[in-house]
C-alpha cells in the first residue's frame, strides 16, 4: 500500500494518535479532517508523502467545535528528515516537527 484514500479518518472525534508507514507516498483529501482530538502523528516515510487538500485540517467553518485547534501538536519523522517536512505542505498542519531516534 502506497496511498491512503480520502477521508479515511475524517471526523474521528476520539483518535489521539495516527501512525503512517514508511511506504506511504500519497495521502488523500481530508484524511484526518475534523479529527479534533489528534495530538500527534508519527510518520515513518523518509520523503514527505504528498498531501491532499485539507489532509489534517481540524477546525473548519462548516464543522465548528468549541475549542478549535489550528494545528496538531507534534509530527514525529525519521532522523534527518525534519527539514524536508518543514519545507513541505506538512508544516502548515503541525506546531512541532520532531525527529525520532
Protein backbone atom coordinates (compact mmCIF):
# COMPACT_ATOMS: atom_id res chain seq x y z
CA UNK A 1 0.00 0.00 0.00
CA UNK A 2 1.43 3.37 -1.01
CA UNK A 3 -1.68 5.56 -0.93
CA UNK A 4 -4.17 6.41 1.80
CA UNK A 5 -7.57 7.37 0.40
CA UNK A 6 -9.78 10.39 1.01
CA UNK A 7 -11.38 11.00 4.41
CA UNK A 8 -10.17 7.67 5.86
CA UNK A 9 -10.02 9.05 9.42
CA UNK A 10 -12.31 12.07 8.97
CA UNK A 11 -14.35 13.13 11.97
CA UNK A 12 -12.61 10.69 14.32
CA UNK A 13 -13.52 12.55 17.50
CA UNK A 14 -11.56 10.37 19.95
CA UNK A 15 -8.49 9.46 17.90
CA UNK A 16 -5.39 10.97 19.56
CA UNK A 17 -2.51 9.47 17.57
CA UNK A 18 -2.00 8.49 13.93
CA UNK A 19 0.86 6.36 12.58
CA UNK A 20 1.80 6.41 8.89
CA UNK A 21 4.08 3.70 7.49
CA UNK A 22 7.29 4.27 5.58
CA UNK A 23 5.74 3.01 2.32
CA UNK A 24 3.10 5.74 2.05
CA UNK A 25 3.70 8.15 -0.85
CA UNK A 26 0.32 9.93 -1.01
CA UNK A 27 -2.42 10.85 1.47
CA UNK A 28 -5.87 11.74 0.16
CA UNK A 29 -8.08 14.78 0.67
CA UNK A 30 -9.48 15.32 4.17
CA UNK A 31 -7.56 12.30 5.53
CA UNK A 32 -7.99 13.36 9.19
CA UNK A 33 -10.39 16.22 8.51
CA UNK A 34 -12.09 17.38 11.73
CA UNK A 35 -10.01 14.98 13.85
CA UNK A 36 -10.16 17.32 16.81
CA UNK A 37 -8.53 15.03 19.41
CA UNK A 38 -5.41 14.22 17.39
CA UNK A 39 -2.31 15.26 19.32
CA UNK A 40 0.42 13.52 17.38
CA UNK A 41 1.20 11.99 14.04
CA UNK A 42 4.07 9.55 13.64
CA UNK A 43 5.25 9.28 10.05
CA UNK A 44 7.95 6.76 9.10
CA UNK A 45 8.25 7.93 5.47
CA UNK A 46 11.65 9.49 4.77
CA UNK A 47 10.19 11.57 1.96
CA UNK A 48 7.09 13.55 2.95
CA UNK A 49 4.04 11.94 1.31
CA UNK A 50 2.05 14.21 -0.98
CA UNK A 51 -0.95 15.58 0.90
CA UNK A 52 -4.44 16.06 -0.49
CA UNK A 53 -6.41 19.19 0.32
CA UNK A 54 -7.30 19.70 3.99
CA UNK A 55 -5.50 16.46 4.88
CA UNK A 56 -5.11 17.30 8.57
CA UNK A 57 -7.46 20.29 8.90
CA UNK A 58 -9.07 20.24 12.35
CA UNK A 59 -11.14 23.41 12.54
CA UNK A 60 -13.28 24.13 9.55
CA UNK A 61 -16.07 26.69 9.31
CA UNK A 62 -18.75 24.20 8.31
CA UNK A 63 -17.89 21.86 11.20
CA UNK A 64 -17.31 24.11 14.24
CA UNK A 65 -16.16 22.89 17.65
CA UNK A 66 -15.99 24.64 20.98
CA UNK A 67 -12.20 24.79 21.12
CA UNK A 68 -10.84 24.50 17.60
CA UNK A 69 -7.14 23.78 17.09
CA UNK A 70 -5.33 25.42 14.25
CA UNK A 71 -2.56 22.80 14.24
CA UNK A 72 -1.81 19.33 15.60
CA UNK A 73 0.71 19.38 18.47
CA UNK A 74 3.52 17.28 17.02
CA UNK A 75 4.67 15.37 13.94
CA UNK A 76 7.37 12.74 14.50
CA UNK A 77 9.52 11.95 11.45
CA UNK A 78 12.61 9.82 10.75
CA UNK A 79 16.01 11.13 11.81
CA UNK A 80 17.44 13.53 9.23
CA UNK A 81 14.06 14.27 7.64
CA UNK A 82 12.68 17.23 9.61
CA UNK A 83 13.89 19.80 7.06
CA UNK A 84 12.07 18.04 4.22
CA UNK A 85 8.83 18.02 6.23
CA UNK A 86 9.30 21.62 7.40
CA UNK A 87 9.70 22.77 3.80
CA UNK A 88 6.62 20.85 2.60
CA UNK A 89 2.84 21.22 2.98
CA UNK A 90 3.09 19.15 6.17
CA UNK A 91 4.45 22.17 8.03
CA UNK A 92 1.15 24.06 7.94
CA UNK A 93 -0.62 21.38 9.98
CA UNK A 94 1.80 20.92 12.91
CA UNK A 95 3.13 23.02 15.78
CA UNK A 96 6.34 20.98 16.05
CA UNK A 97 8.19 18.59 13.78
CA UNK A 98 10.49 16.31 15.77
CA UNK A 99 12.94 13.71 14.53
CA UNK A 100 12.64 10.23 16.05
CA UNK A 101 15.65 8.44 17.48
